[in-house]
Amino acid sequence: MKTHVLFDFDGTLVDSAPAILTCFSRVLKAHGLQARRDIDDSLIGPPLRQTLETLSGQSNPALLDALSTSFKEIYDGEVCQSTPAYEGCQDALEGLREQGLTLAVATNKRLLPTQKIIAALGWKGLFAEVFASDSHPGHYTDKSGMIGVLLKAGAIAPQAAIYVGDTDHDGHAAAANAVDFWPVAWGYGRFSSQEQPLLNPQQLLERLAQLQTHK
């Protein structure tokens, strides 16, 4: 029986690309840098510092610190709060709660903007836990570790949980913790596996209901 549904955030619950990509462009311009690759949806998901290093082509720690600070100042202000949810996600989240499932977020996004977006969408009461890249310093360094710590903190058996995400990276993180992974078709990633992704949030509700009934 599944009791917990864990969610990636960017590309899974919210369409964060427009705001984030705008901020990347503004940060590079502010520091007189040219993008070393296209600023597109494929940049969404990895940790901020890693993405800034890839985008700028720079590895100097002081410069990356400055770029990160600039990004946070721009994004954490009002920009992040304009991030919309994907159509149908709120109904799906509320439906899952009505089914008695406990919901949580495990995201590479930083905690502050994640919380701001959740608050702006009116979702503060929907999630039992929100784990972010910087929410538990020293306890994990990647999403695999994050999910492991989340499971341990909540005393959640891996077989009782599902992780929902939009990239192969999400799938690998779930597999590393023996958690079932359900990919979605509406995010930023593409999947190398043959597993059929969910085509819309309503399918998440339907598939879970069928799964619970068959147990």
N, C-alpha and C. Protein backbone atom coordinates (compact mmCIF):
# COMPACT_ATOMS: atom_id res chain seq x y z
N MET A 1 0.84 -1.19 0.00
CA MET A 1 0.00 0.00 0.00
C MET A 1 0.88 1.25 0.00
N LYS A 2 0.61 2.16 -0.90
CA LYS A 2 1.35 3.41 -0.95
C LYS A 2 0.72 4.41 0.02
N THR A 3 1.57 5.02 0.82
CA THR A 3 1.10 5.99 1.81
C THR A 3 1.67 7.38 1.60
N HIS A 4 2.75 7.49 0.81
CA HIS A 4 3.43 8.77 0.63
C HIS A 4 3.73 9.01 -0.86
N VAL A 5 3.46 10.23 -1.30
CA VAL A 5 3.84 10.65 -2.66
C VAL A 5 4.81 11.82 -2.53
N LEU A 6 6.01 11.63 -3.04
CA LEU A 6 7.05 12.65 -3.00
C LEU A 6 7.16 13.28 -4.39
N PHE A 7 7.32 14.58 -4.42
CA PHE A 7 7.34 15.30 -5.69
C PHE A 7 8.64 16.08 -5.88
N ASP A 8 9.18 15.99 -7.10
CA ASP A 8 10.08 17.02 -7.58
C ASP A 8 9.24 18.28 -7.71
N PHE A 9 9.87 19.43 -7.88
CA PHE A 9 9.11 20.68 -7.90
C PHE A 9 9.14 21.34 -9.28
N ASP A 10 10.30 21.88 -9.67
CA ASP A 10 10.43 22.52 -10.98
C ASP A 10 10.19 21.51 -12.10
N GLY A 11 9.25 21.81 -12.98
CA GLY A 11 8.99 20.92 -14.10
C GLY A 11 8.03 19.80 -13.78
N THR A 12 7.67 19.67 -12.52
CA THR A 12 6.76 18.61 -12.10
C THR A 12 5.46 19.19 -11.55
N LEU A 13 5.59 20.11 -10.61
CA LEU A 13 4.42 20.79 -10.06
C LEU A 13 4.27 22.21 -10.60
N VAL A 14 5.41 22.86 -10.87
CA VAL A 14 5.35 24.26 -11.31
C VAL A 14 6.20 24.47 -12.56
N ASP A 15 5.75 25.40 -13.40
CA ASP A 15 6.46 25.77 -14.62
C ASP A 15 7.37 26.95 -14.30
N SER A 16 8.53 26.63 -13.77
CA SER A 16 9.44 27.67 -13.27
C SER A 16 10.39 28.21 -14.33
N ALA A 17 10.39 27.62 -15.51
CA ALA A 17 11.39 27.97 -16.53
C ALA A 17 11.42 29.45 -16.90
N PRO A 18 10.30 30.07 -17.24
CA PRO A 18 10.37 31.47 -17.69
C PRO A 18 11.06 32.39 -16.70
N ALA A 19 10.70 32.30 -15.42
CA ALA A 19 11.29 33.19 -14.41
C ALA A 19 12.77 32.87 -14.21
N ILE A 20 13.11 31.60 -14.13
CA ILE A 20 14.50 31.20 -13.88
C ILE A 20 15.39 31.60 -15.06
N LEU A 21 14.96 31.34 -16.27
CA LEU A 21 15.78 31.64 -17.44
C LEU A 21 15.98 33.14 -17.62
N THR A 22 14.94 33.91 -17.30
CA THR A 22 15.09 35.37 -17.33
C THR A 22 16.15 35.82 -16.33
N CYS A 23 16.15 35.22 -15.15
CA CYS A 23 17.14 35.58 -14.13
C CYS A 23 18.55 35.21 -14.55
N PHE A 24 18.72 34.05 -15.19
CA PHE A 24 20.05 33.67 -15.67
C PHE A 24 20.58 34.71 -16.66
N SER A 25 19.75 35.15 -17.57
CA SER A 25 20.17 36.16 -18.55
C SER A 25 20.55 37.46 -17.87
N ARG A 26 19.75 37.88 -16.90
CA ARG A 26 20.02 39.13 -16.19
C ARG A 26 21.30 39.05 -15.37
N VAL A 27 21.56 37.90 -14.77
CA VAL A 27 22.78 37.72 -13.96
C VAL A 27 24.02 37.81 -14.84
N LEU A 28 24.02 37.10 -15.95
CA LEU A 28 25.19 37.14 -16.84
C LEU A 28 25.43 38.55 -17.35
N LYS A 29 24.37 39.24 -17.74
CA LYS A 29 24.51 40.60 -18.24
C LYS A 29 25.08 41.52 -17.17
N ALA A 30 24.61 41.35 -15.93
CA ALA A 30 25.07 42.20 -14.83
C ALA A 30 26.56 42.03 -14.57
N HIS A 31 27.09 40.85 -14.88
CA HIS A 31 28.51 40.57 -14.63
C HIS A 31 29.34 40.61 -15.91
N GLY A 32 28.75 41.09 -17.00
CA GLY A 32 29.50 41.24 -18.24
C GLY A 32 29.95 39.93 -18.86
N LEU A 33 29.14 38.88 -18.69
CA LEU A 33 29.49 37.56 -19.20
C LEU A 33 28.57 37.16 -20.34
N GLN A 34 29.10 36.33 -21.23
CA GLN A 34 28.31 35.75 -22.31
C GLN A 34 27.97 34.31 -21.96
N ALA A 35 26.76 33.89 -22.28
CA ALA A 35 26.36 32.50 -22.04
C ALA A 35 27.18 31.57 -22.93
N ARG A 36 27.71 30.50 -22.35
CA ARG A 36 28.51 29.53 -23.10
C ARG A 36 27.64 28.47 -23.76
N ARG A 37 26.34 28.53 -23.52
CA ARG A 37 25.40 27.60 -24.14
C ARG A 37 24.03 28.24 -24.14
N ASP A 38 23.12 27.62 -24.84
CA ASP A 38 21.77 28.18 -24.92
C ASP A 38 21.12 28.24 -23.54
N ILE A 39 20.41 29.31 -23.30
CA ILE A 39 19.64 29.44 -22.06
C ILE A 39 18.24 28.91 -22.37
N ASP A 40 18.05 27.63 -22.06
CA ASP A 40 16.79 26.98 -22.40
C ASP A 40 16.34 26.07 -21.27
N ASP A 41 15.24 25.36 -21.48
CA ASP A 41 14.63 24.54 -20.44
C ASP A 41 15.54 23.45 -19.89
N SER A 42 16.55 23.05 -20.65
CA SER A 42 17.44 21.98 -20.17
C SER A 42 18.27 22.42 -18.96
N LEU A 43 18.28 23.71 -18.67
CA LEU A 43 19.01 24.22 -17.51
C LEU A 43 18.21 24.06 -16.21
N ILE A 44 16.93 23.73 -16.32
CA ILE A 44 16.08 23.64 -15.14
C ILE A 44 16.28 22.31 -14.44
N GLY A 45 16.52 22.34 -13.13
CA GLY A 45 16.61 21.11 -12.35
C GLY A 45 17.86 20.97 -11.51
N PRO A 46 19.08 21.04 -12.12
CA PRO A 46 20.29 20.89 -11.32
C PRO A 46 20.46 22.02 -10.31
N PRO A 47 21.32 21.82 -9.31
CA PRO A 47 21.58 22.87 -8.32
C PRO A 47 22.06 24.17 -8.97
N LEU A 48 21.76 25.29 -8.34
CA LEU A 48 22.04 26.61 -8.91
C LEU A 48 23.50 26.80 -9.26
N ARG A 49 24.40 26.54 -8.32
CA ARG A 49 25.82 26.81 -8.57
C ARG A 49 26.34 25.97 -9.74
N GLN A 50 25.92 24.73 -9.81
CA GLN A 50 26.34 23.86 -10.91
C GLN A 50 25.87 24.44 -12.25
N THR A 51 24.65 24.93 -12.29
CA THR A 51 24.11 25.49 -13.52
C THR A 51 24.83 26.78 -13.91
N LEU A 52 25.13 27.63 -12.94
CA LEU A 52 25.84 28.86 -13.22
C LEU A 52 27.24 28.58 -13.76
N GLU A 53 27.88 27.55 -13.24
CA GLU A 53 29.22 27.18 -13.73
C GLU A 53 29.12 26.70 -15.18
N THR A 54 28.13 25.86 -15.46
CA THR A 54 27.93 25.36 -16.82
C THR A 54 27.61 26.51 -17.78
N LEU A 55 26.75 27.40 -17.36
CA LEU A 55 26.27 28.47 -18.22
C LEU A 55 27.34 29.52 -18.48
N SER A 56 28.10 29.83 -17.46
CA SER A 56 29.11 30.89 -17.59
C SER A 56 30.44 30.38 -18.12
N GLY A 57 30.68 29.08 -17.96
CA GLY A 57 31.97 28.52 -18.34
C GLY A 57 33.08 28.92 -17.39
N GLN A 58 32.72 29.39 -16.21
CA GLN A 58 33.67 29.86 -15.21
C GLN A 58 33.69 28.91 -14.01
N SER A 59 34.87 28.71 -13.43
CA SER A 59 34.98 27.84 -12.26
C SER A 59 35.58 28.56 -11.06
N ASN A 60 35.89 29.84 -11.21
CA ASN A 60 36.45 30.61 -10.11
C ASN A 60 35.45 30.69 -8.96
N PRO A 61 35.80 30.21 -7.77
CA PRO A 61 34.84 30.18 -6.67
C PRO A 61 34.28 31.55 -6.31
N ALA A 62 35.13 32.57 -6.32
CA ALA A 62 34.66 33.91 -5.97
C ALA A 62 33.64 34.42 -6.98
N LEU A 63 33.90 34.18 -8.26
CA LEU A 63 32.96 34.61 -9.29
C LEU A 63 31.65 33.85 -9.18
N LEU A 64 31.72 32.55 -8.95
CA LEU A 64 30.50 31.75 -8.81
C LEU A 64 29.70 32.19 -7.58
N ASP A 65 30.41 32.58 -6.54
CA ASP A 65 29.72 33.12 -5.36
C ASP A 65 28.96 34.39 -5.73
N ALA A 66 29.62 35.25 -6.50
CA ALA A 66 28.99 36.52 -6.90
C ALA A 66 27.80 36.28 -7.82
N LEU A 67 27.95 35.35 -8.75
CA LEU A 67 26.84 35.02 -9.64
C LEU A 67 25.65 34.45 -8.86
N SER A 68 25.95 33.58 -7.92
CA SER A 68 24.89 32.97 -7.10
C SER A 68 24.16 34.03 -6.28
N THR A 69 24.93 34.95 -5.71
CA THR A 69 24.33 36.02 -4.91
C THR A 69 23.41 36.88 -5.77
N SER A 70 23.88 37.24 -6.97
CA SER A 70 23.07 38.05 -7.87
C SER A 70 21.78 37.33 -8.25
N PHE A 71 21.90 36.06 -8.56
CA PHE A 71 20.71 35.29 -8.94
C PHE A 71 19.70 35.29 -7.81
N LYS A 72 20.16 35.02 -6.59
CA LYS A 72 19.25 34.94 -5.45
C LYS A 72 18.56 36.28 -5.19
N GLU A 73 19.31 37.36 -5.34
CA GLU A 73 18.72 38.69 -5.11
C GLU A 73 17.61 38.96 -6.12
N ILE A 74 17.85 38.60 -7.37
CA ILE A 74 16.87 38.85 -8.42
C ILE A 74 15.67 37.91 -8.28
N TYR A 75 15.97 36.62 -8.17
CA TYR A 75 14.92 35.61 -8.19
C TYR A 75 14.09 35.57 -6.91
N ASP A 76 14.76 35.70 -5.77
CA ASP A 76 14.06 35.55 -4.50
C ASP A 76 13.19 36.74 -4.14
N GLY A 77 13.34 37.84 -4.88
CA GLY A 77 12.50 38.98 -4.62
C GLY A 77 11.06 38.66 -4.99
N GLU A 78 10.58 39.27 -6.03
CA GLU A 78 9.21 39.01 -6.46
C GLU A 78 9.13 38.07 -7.66
N VAL A 79 10.25 37.84 -8.33
CA VAL A 79 10.22 37.07 -9.58
C VAL A 79 9.69 35.66 -9.35
N CYS A 80 10.20 34.97 -8.33
CA CYS A 80 9.82 33.58 -8.12
C CYS A 80 8.33 33.43 -7.84
N GLN A 81 7.73 34.46 -7.24
CA GLN A 81 6.34 34.35 -6.84
C GLN A 81 5.36 34.42 -8.01
N SER A 82 5.87 34.71 -9.20
CA SER A 82 5.03 34.71 -10.39
C SER A 82 4.98 33.34 -11.05
N THR A 83 5.65 32.36 -10.47
CA THR A 83 5.73 31.01 -11.04
C THR A 83 4.37 30.32 -10.99
N PRO A 84 3.86 29.86 -12.13
CA PRO A 84 2.55 29.20 -12.12
C PRO A 84 2.65 27.69 -11.89
N ALA A 85 1.59 27.12 -11.37
CA ALA A 85 1.48 25.66 -11.29
C ALA A 85 1.05 25.13 -12.65
N TYR A 86 1.42 23.89 -12.94
CA TYR A 86 0.90 23.25 -14.14
C TYR A 86 -0.59 23.00 -13.97
N GLU A 87 -1.30 23.12 -15.07
CA GLU A 87 -2.75 22.94 -15.04
C GLU A 87 -3.11 21.57 -14.47
N GLY A 88 -4.01 21.56 -13.53
CA GLY A 88 -4.48 20.31 -12.94
C GLY A 88 -3.72 19.85 -11.72
N CYS A 89 -2.56 20.47 -11.43
CA CYS A 89 -1.75 19.99 -10.30
C CYS A 89 -2.43 20.24 -8.96
N GLN A 90 -3.05 21.40 -8.79
CA GLN A 90 -3.69 21.66 -7.50
C GLN A 90 -4.81 20.66 -7.24
N ASP A 91 -5.63 20.39 -8.23
CA ASP A 91 -6.71 19.41 -8.06
C ASP A 91 -6.13 18.04 -7.72
N ALA A 92 -5.03 17.67 -8.39
CA ALA A 92 -4.41 16.38 -8.13
C ALA A 92 -3.87 16.30 -6.70
N LEU A 93 -3.20 17.35 -6.26
CA LEU A 93 -2.66 17.36 -4.90
C LEU A 93 -3.78 17.25 -3.87
N GLU A 94 -4.83 18.02 -4.07
CA GLU A 94 -5.95 17.97 -3.14
C GLU A 94 -6.62 16.60 -3.17
N GLY A 95 -6.71 16.00 -4.36
CA GLY A 95 -7.29 14.67 -4.48
C GLY A 95 -6.47 13.61 -3.78
N LEU A 96 -5.16 13.71 -3.87
CA LEU A 96 -4.29 12.77 -3.18
C LEU A 96 -4.45 12.88 -1.67
N ARG A 97 -4.55 14.09 -1.19
CA ARG A 97 -4.77 14.29 0.24
C ARG A 97 -6.10 13.68 0.67
N GLU A 98 -7.12 13.85 -0.15
CA GLU A 98 -8.42 13.28 0.16
C GLU A 98 -8.37 11.76 0.20
N GLN A 99 -7.47 11.16 -0.57
CA GLN A 99 -7.29 9.71 -0.55
C GLN A 99 -6.52 9.24 0.68
N GLY A 100 -6.07 10.18 1.50
CA GLY A 100 -5.34 9.83 2.71
C GLY A 100 -3.84 9.71 2.55
N LEU A 101 -3.32 10.15 1.41
CA LEU A 101 -1.89 10.07 1.16
C LEU A 101 -1.17 11.28 1.75
N THR A 102 0.04 11.05 2.21
CA THR A 102 0.89 12.12 2.74
C THR A 102 1.80 12.61 1.62
N LEU A 103 1.88 13.92 1.43
CA LEU A 103 2.64 14.50 0.33
C LEU A 103 3.88 15.21 0.85
N ALA A 104 4.94 15.17 0.04
CA ALA A 104 6.18 15.87 0.38
C ALA A 104 6.85 16.33 -0.90
N VAL A 105 7.76 17.28 -0.77
CA VAL A 105 8.55 17.80 -1.89
C VAL A 105 10.02 17.48 -1.64
N ALA A 106 10.71 17.02 -2.68
CA ALA A 106 12.16 16.83 -2.65
C ALA A 106 12.72 17.47 -3.91
N THR A 107 13.33 18.64 -3.77
CA THR A 107 13.72 19.44 -4.93
C THR A 107 15.14 19.96 -4.82
N ASN A 108 15.80 20.09 -5.96
CA ASN A 108 17.11 20.72 -6.00
C ASN A 108 17.02 22.24 -5.91
N LYS A 109 15.81 22.77 -5.93
CA LYS A 109 15.62 24.20 -5.75
C LYS A 109 15.99 24.57 -4.32
N ARG A 110 16.36 25.83 -4.09
CA ARG A 110 16.63 26.27 -2.72
C ARG A 110 15.32 26.42 -1.94
N LEU A 111 15.43 26.36 -0.63
CA LEU A 111 14.24 26.32 0.21
C LEU A 111 13.44 27.63 0.15
N LEU A 112 14.12 28.79 0.22
CA LEU A 112 13.39 30.06 0.29
C LEU A 112 12.46 30.27 -0.89
N PRO A 113 12.95 30.20 -2.15
CA PRO A 113 12.01 30.39 -3.25
C PRO A 113 10.96 29.29 -3.34
N THR A 114 11.33 28.07 -2.96
CA THR A 114 10.34 26.99 -2.97
C THR A 114 9.19 27.32 -2.03
N GLN A 115 9.53 27.76 -0.83
CA GLN A 115 8.49 28.12 0.14
C GLN A 115 7.67 29.31 -0.33
N LYS A 116 8.33 30.28 -0.96
CA LYS A 116 7.60 31.45 -1.45
C LYS A 116 6.59 31.08 -2.54
N ILE A 117 7.01 30.19 -3.43
CA ILE A 117 6.11 29.76 -4.50
C ILE A 117 4.94 28.96 -3.92
N ILE A 118 5.24 28.05 -3.00
CA ILE A 118 4.19 27.26 -2.36
C ILE A 118 3.18 28.18 -1.68
N ALA A 119 3.69 29.20 -0.97
CA ALA A 119 2.79 30.14 -0.30
C ALA A 119 1.96 30.93 -1.30
N ALA A 120 2.59 31.38 -2.39
CA ALA A 120 1.88 32.17 -3.39
C ALA A 120 0.77 31.37 -4.07
N LEU A 121 0.98 30.06 -4.18
CA LEU A 121 -0.02 29.19 -4.81
C LEU A 121 -1.09 28.72 -3.83
N GLY A 122 -0.92 29.04 -2.54
CA GLY A 122 -1.88 28.60 -1.53
C GLY A 122 -1.75 27.14 -1.18
N TRP A 123 -0.53 26.60 -1.27
CA TRP A 123 -0.30 25.17 -1.05
C TRP A 123 0.34 24.85 0.30
N LYS A 124 0.45 25.80 1.18
CA LYS A 124 1.23 25.59 2.41
C LYS A 124 0.73 24.41 3.24
N GLY A 125 -0.56 24.13 3.20
CA GLY A 125 -1.09 23.04 4.01
C GLY A 125 -1.07 21.68 3.35
N LEU A 126 -0.55 21.61 2.12
CA LEU A 126 -0.63 20.35 1.37
C LEU A 126 0.53 19.40 1.62
N PHE A 127 1.69 19.93 2.02
CA PHE A 127 2.90 19.10 2.12
C PHE A 127 3.33 18.92 3.56
N ALA A 128 3.57 17.67 3.93
CA ALA A 128 4.05 17.38 5.27
C ALA A 128 5.51 17.80 5.43
N GLU A 129 6.29 17.68 4.36
CA GLU A 129 7.71 18.04 4.38
C GLU A 129 8.08 18.71 3.06
N VAL A 130 9.00 19.67 3.14
CA VAL A 130 9.60 20.26 1.94
C VAL A 130 11.12 20.19 2.12
N PHE A 131 11.74 19.28 1.36
CA PHE A 131 13.20 19.13 1.39
C PHE A 131 13.77 19.81 0.16
N ALA A 132 14.75 20.68 0.37
CA ALA A 132 15.36 21.43 -0.71
C ALA A 132 16.88 21.24 -0.67
N SER A 133 17.56 21.81 -1.66
CA SER A 133 19.00 21.60 -1.76
C SER A 133 19.75 22.13 -0.54
N ASP A 134 19.19 23.17 0.11
CA ASP A 134 19.89 23.79 1.23
C ASP A 134 19.11 23.71 2.55
N SER A 135 18.11 22.83 2.62
CA SER A 135 17.27 22.80 3.81
C SER A 135 17.85 22.00 4.97
N HIS A 136 18.78 21.09 4.67
CA HIS A 136 19.39 20.26 5.71
C HIS A 136 20.90 20.20 5.48
N PRO A 137 21.60 21.30 5.73
CA PRO A 137 23.04 21.38 5.43
C PRO A 137 23.83 20.24 6.09
N GLY A 138 24.70 19.64 5.29
CA GLY A 138 25.56 18.58 5.81
C GLY A 138 24.95 17.20 5.79
N HIS A 139 23.68 17.10 5.44
CA HIS A 139 23.02 15.79 5.48
C HIS A 139 22.97 15.10 4.12
N TYR A 140 23.08 15.86 3.04
CA TYR A 140 23.11 15.26 1.71
C TYR A 140 23.73 16.25 0.74
N THR A 141 24.20 15.71 -0.38
CA THR A 141 24.83 16.54 -1.40
C THR A 141 24.14 16.42 -2.75
N ASP A 142 23.18 15.53 -2.87
CA ASP A 142 22.46 15.35 -4.12
C ASP A 142 21.05 14.86 -3.82
N LYS A 143 20.26 14.68 -4.87
CA LYS A 143 18.86 14.31 -4.67
C LYS A 143 18.70 12.89 -4.14
N SER A 144 19.60 12.00 -4.51
CA SER A 144 19.53 10.64 -3.96
C SER A 144 19.65 10.68 -2.44
N GLY A 145 20.63 11.43 -1.96
CA GLY A 145 20.79 11.57 -0.52
C GLY A 145 19.62 12.27 0.12
N MET A 146 19.08 13.27 -0.58
CA MET A 146 17.93 14.03 -0.07
C MET A 146 16.73 13.11 0.17
N ILE A 147 16.42 12.28 -0.83
CA ILE A 147 15.29 11.37 -0.69
C ILE A 147 15.54 10.38 0.45
N GLY A 148 16.79 9.92 0.58
CA GLY A 148 17.12 9.01 1.66
C GLY A 148 16.89 9.63 3.02
N VAL A 149 17.31 10.88 3.19
CA VAL A 149 17.13 11.57 4.47
C VAL A 149 15.64 11.83 4.72
N LEU A 150 14.90 12.19 3.67
CA LEU A 150 13.46 12.42 3.82
C LEU A 150 12.76 11.15 4.30
N LEU A 151 13.11 10.02 3.69
CA LEU A 151 12.49 8.75 4.09
C LEU A 151 12.81 8.43 5.55
N LYS A 152 14.06 8.63 5.92
CA LYS A 152 14.46 8.32 7.29
C LYS A 152 13.79 9.25 8.28
N ALA A 153 13.73 10.54 7.96
CA ALA A 153 13.13 11.52 8.87
C ALA A 153 11.65 11.24 9.10
N GLY A 154 10.98 10.76 8.07
CA GLY A 154 9.55 10.49 8.18
C GLY A 154 9.22 9.07 8.52
N ALA A 155 10.25 8.24 8.75
CA ALA A 155 10.05 6.81 9.03
C ALA A 155 9.18 6.17 7.93
N ILE A 156 9.53 6.51 6.68
CA ILE A 156 8.76 6.03 5.53
C ILE A 156 9.47 4.83 4.90
N ALA A 157 8.79 3.73 4.79
CA ALA A 157 9.36 2.56 4.11
C ALA A 157 9.43 2.86 2.62
N PRO A 158 10.56 2.55 1.96
CA PRO A 158 10.67 2.85 0.53
C PRO A 158 9.53 2.29 -0.31
N GLN A 159 9.08 1.09 0.03
CA GLN A 159 8.01 0.47 -0.76
C GLN A 159 6.66 1.15 -0.57
N ALA A 160 6.56 2.04 0.44
CA ALA A 160 5.31 2.76 0.68
C ALA A 160 5.28 4.11 -0.02
N ALA A 161 6.36 4.44 -0.74
CA ALA A 161 6.47 5.78 -1.34
C ALA A 161 6.57 5.72 -2.85
N ILE A 162 6.19 6.81 -3.48
CA ILE A 162 6.36 7.04 -4.92
C ILE A 162 7.04 8.39 -5.07
N TYR A 163 7.99 8.47 -6.00
CA TYR A 163 8.58 9.77 -6.32
C TYR A 163 8.15 10.15 -7.72
N VAL A 164 7.59 11.35 -7.87
CA VAL A 164 7.08 11.83 -9.14
C VAL A 164 8.00 12.94 -9.64
N GLY A 165 8.53 12.79 -10.86
CA GLY A 165 9.47 13.78 -11.38
C GLY A 165 9.48 13.82 -12.89
N ASP A 166 10.27 14.74 -13.43
CA ASP A 166 10.23 14.97 -14.88
C ASP A 166 11.55 14.70 -15.58
N THR A 167 12.53 14.09 -14.90
CA THR A 167 13.81 13.83 -15.55
C THR A 167 14.35 12.45 -15.19
N ASP A 168 15.26 11.96 -16.01
CA ASP A 168 15.95 10.71 -15.69
C ASP A 168 16.69 10.83 -14.36
N HIS A 169 17.23 12.01 -14.09
CA HIS A 169 17.94 12.23 -12.82
C HIS A 169 17.02 11.95 -11.63
N ASP A 170 15.76 12.37 -11.74
CA ASP A 170 14.79 12.08 -10.69
C ASP A 170 14.59 10.57 -10.55
N GLY A 171 14.51 9.89 -11.68
CA GLY A 171 14.34 8.45 -11.65
C GLY A 171 15.50 7.72 -11.01
N HIS A 172 16.72 8.17 -11.31
CA HIS A 172 17.91 7.55 -10.72
C HIS A 172 17.94 7.77 -9.20
N ALA A 173 17.52 8.97 -8.76
CA ALA A 173 17.51 9.27 -7.33
C ALA A 173 16.50 8.39 -6.60
N ALA A 174 15.34 8.19 -7.22
CA ALA A 174 14.34 7.31 -6.62
C ALA A 174 14.85 5.88 -6.56
N ALA A 175 15.43 5.39 -7.67
CA ALA A 175 15.93 4.02 -7.72
C ALA A 175 17.02 3.76 -6.68
N ALA A 176 17.85 4.78 -6.44
CA ALA A 176 18.92 4.63 -5.45
C ALA A 176 18.37 4.40 -4.06
N ASN A 177 17.11 4.74 -3.85
CA ASN A 177 16.46 4.56 -2.55
C ASN A 177 15.37 3.49 -2.58
N ALA A 178 15.32 2.71 -3.67
CA ALA A 178 14.33 1.64 -3.83
C ALA A 178 12.90 2.16 -3.77
N VAL A 179 12.71 3.39 -4.27
CA VAL A 179 11.39 4.02 -4.31
C VAL A 179 10.88 3.97 -5.74
N ASP A 180 9.61 3.61 -5.92
CA ASP A 180 9.01 3.62 -7.26
C ASP A 180 9.04 5.03 -7.83
N PHE A 181 9.35 5.12 -9.12
CA PHE A 181 9.40 6.41 -9.81
C PHE A 181 8.32 6.47 -10.87
N TRP A 182 7.54 7.56 -10.82
CA TRP A 182 6.53 7.80 -11.85
C TRP A 182 6.91 9.06 -12.62
N PRO A 183 7.33 8.93 -13.88
CA PRO A 183 7.70 10.10 -14.67
C PRO A 183 6.48 10.84 -15.19
N VAL A 184 6.66 12.13 -15.46
CA VAL A 184 5.58 12.94 -16.03
C VAL A 184 6.00 13.44 -17.40
N ALA A 185 5.01 13.65 -18.26
CA ALA A 185 5.28 14.03 -19.64
C ALA A 185 5.29 15.54 -19.85
N TRP A 186 4.94 16.32 -18.82
CA TRP A 186 4.75 17.76 -19.06
C TRP A 186 5.90 18.61 -18.57
N GLY A 187 6.98 18.04 -18.10
CA GLY A 187 8.08 18.82 -17.56
C GLY A 187 9.16 19.12 -18.58
N TYR A 188 10.41 19.22 -18.11
CA TYR A 188 11.51 19.65 -18.95
C TYR A 188 12.40 18.50 -19.43
N GLY A 189 12.19 17.31 -18.87
CA GLY A 189 13.10 16.21 -19.16
C GLY A 189 12.59 15.29 -20.26
N ARG A 190 13.47 14.40 -20.69
CA ARG A 190 13.13 13.32 -21.60
C ARG A 190 13.65 12.04 -20.96
N PHE A 191 12.93 10.94 -21.15
CA PHE A 191 13.29 9.72 -20.45
C PHE A 191 13.87 8.68 -21.40
N SER A 192 14.94 8.03 -20.94
CA SER A 192 15.56 6.99 -21.74
C SER A 192 14.90 5.63 -21.50
N SER A 193 14.18 5.50 -20.40
CA SER A 193 13.51 4.23 -20.10
C SER A 193 12.24 4.10 -20.93
N GLN A 194 11.67 2.91 -20.93
CA GLN A 194 10.45 2.65 -21.68
C GLN A 194 9.20 2.87 -20.84
N GLU A 195 9.38 3.28 -19.59
CA GLU A 195 8.23 3.49 -18.72
C GLU A 195 7.37 4.61 -19.28
N GLN A 196 6.05 4.36 -19.33
CA GLN A 196 5.12 5.33 -19.87
C GLN A 196 4.90 6.47 -18.89
N PRO A 197 5.21 7.71 -19.28
CA PRO A 197 5.00 8.83 -18.36
C PRO A 197 3.54 9.19 -18.22
N LEU A 198 3.21 9.79 -17.09
CA LEU A 198 1.87 10.31 -16.87
C LEU A 198 1.64 11.46 -17.84
N LEU A 199 0.50 11.47 -18.49
CA LEU A 199 0.22 12.48 -19.50
C LEU A 199 -0.41 13.74 -18.91
N ASN A 200 -1.01 13.62 -17.73
CA ASN A 200 -1.61 14.77 -17.06
C ASN A 200 -1.76 14.43 -15.57
N PRO A 201 -1.92 15.45 -14.73
CA PRO A 201 -2.02 15.19 -13.29
C PRO A 201 -3.20 14.30 -12.91
N GLN A 202 -4.28 14.34 -13.67
CA GLN A 202 -5.43 13.49 -13.36
C GLN A 202 -5.05 12.01 -13.44
N GLN A 203 -4.15 11.67 -14.34
CA GLN A 203 -3.71 10.28 -14.45
C GLN A 203 -2.99 9.81 -13.19
N LEU A 204 -2.32 10.74 -12.51
CA LEU A 204 -1.67 10.39 -11.25
C LEU A 204 -2.70 9.92 -10.24
N LEU A 205 -3.79 10.66 -10.12
CA LEU A 205 -4.87 10.28 -9.22
C LEU A 205 -5.45 8.92 -9.60
N GLU A 206 -5.73 8.75 -10.88
CA GLU A 206 -6.36 7.52 -11.34
C GLU A 206 -5.45 6.31 -11.15
N ARG A 207 -4.17 6.48 -11.46
CA ARG A 207 -3.24 5.37 -11.34
C ARG A 207 -3.04 4.96 -9.88
N LEU A 208 -2.97 5.94 -9.01
CA LEU A 208 -2.83 5.63 -7.59
C LEU A 208 -4.07 4.95 -7.04
N ALA A 209 -5.23 5.43 -7.46
CA ALA A 209 -6.47 4.81 -7.00
C ALA A 209 -6.53 3.35 -7.44
N GLN A 210 -6.13 3.07 -8.68
CA GLN A 210 -6.11 1.70 -9.17
C GLN A 210 -5.11 0.85 -8.40
N LEU A 211 -3.94 1.44 -8.13
CA LEU A 211 -2.90 0.72 -7.40
C LEU A 211 -3.37 0.34 -6.01
N GLN A 212 -4.00 1.27 -5.31
CA GLN A 212 -4.47 1.02 -3.95
C GLN A 212 -5.58 -0.04 -3.95
N THR A 213 -6.43 -0.01 -4.95
CA THR A 213 -7.54 -0.95 -5.04
C THR A 213 -7.06 -2.37 -5.25
N HIS A 214 -5.95 -2.51 -6.01
CA HIS A 214 -5.45 -3.84 -6.34
C HIS A 214 -4.62 -4.46 -5.24
N LYS A 215 -4.30 -3.71 -4.21
CA LYS A 215 -3.49 -4.26 -3.12
C LYS A 215 -4.33 -5.15 -2.23
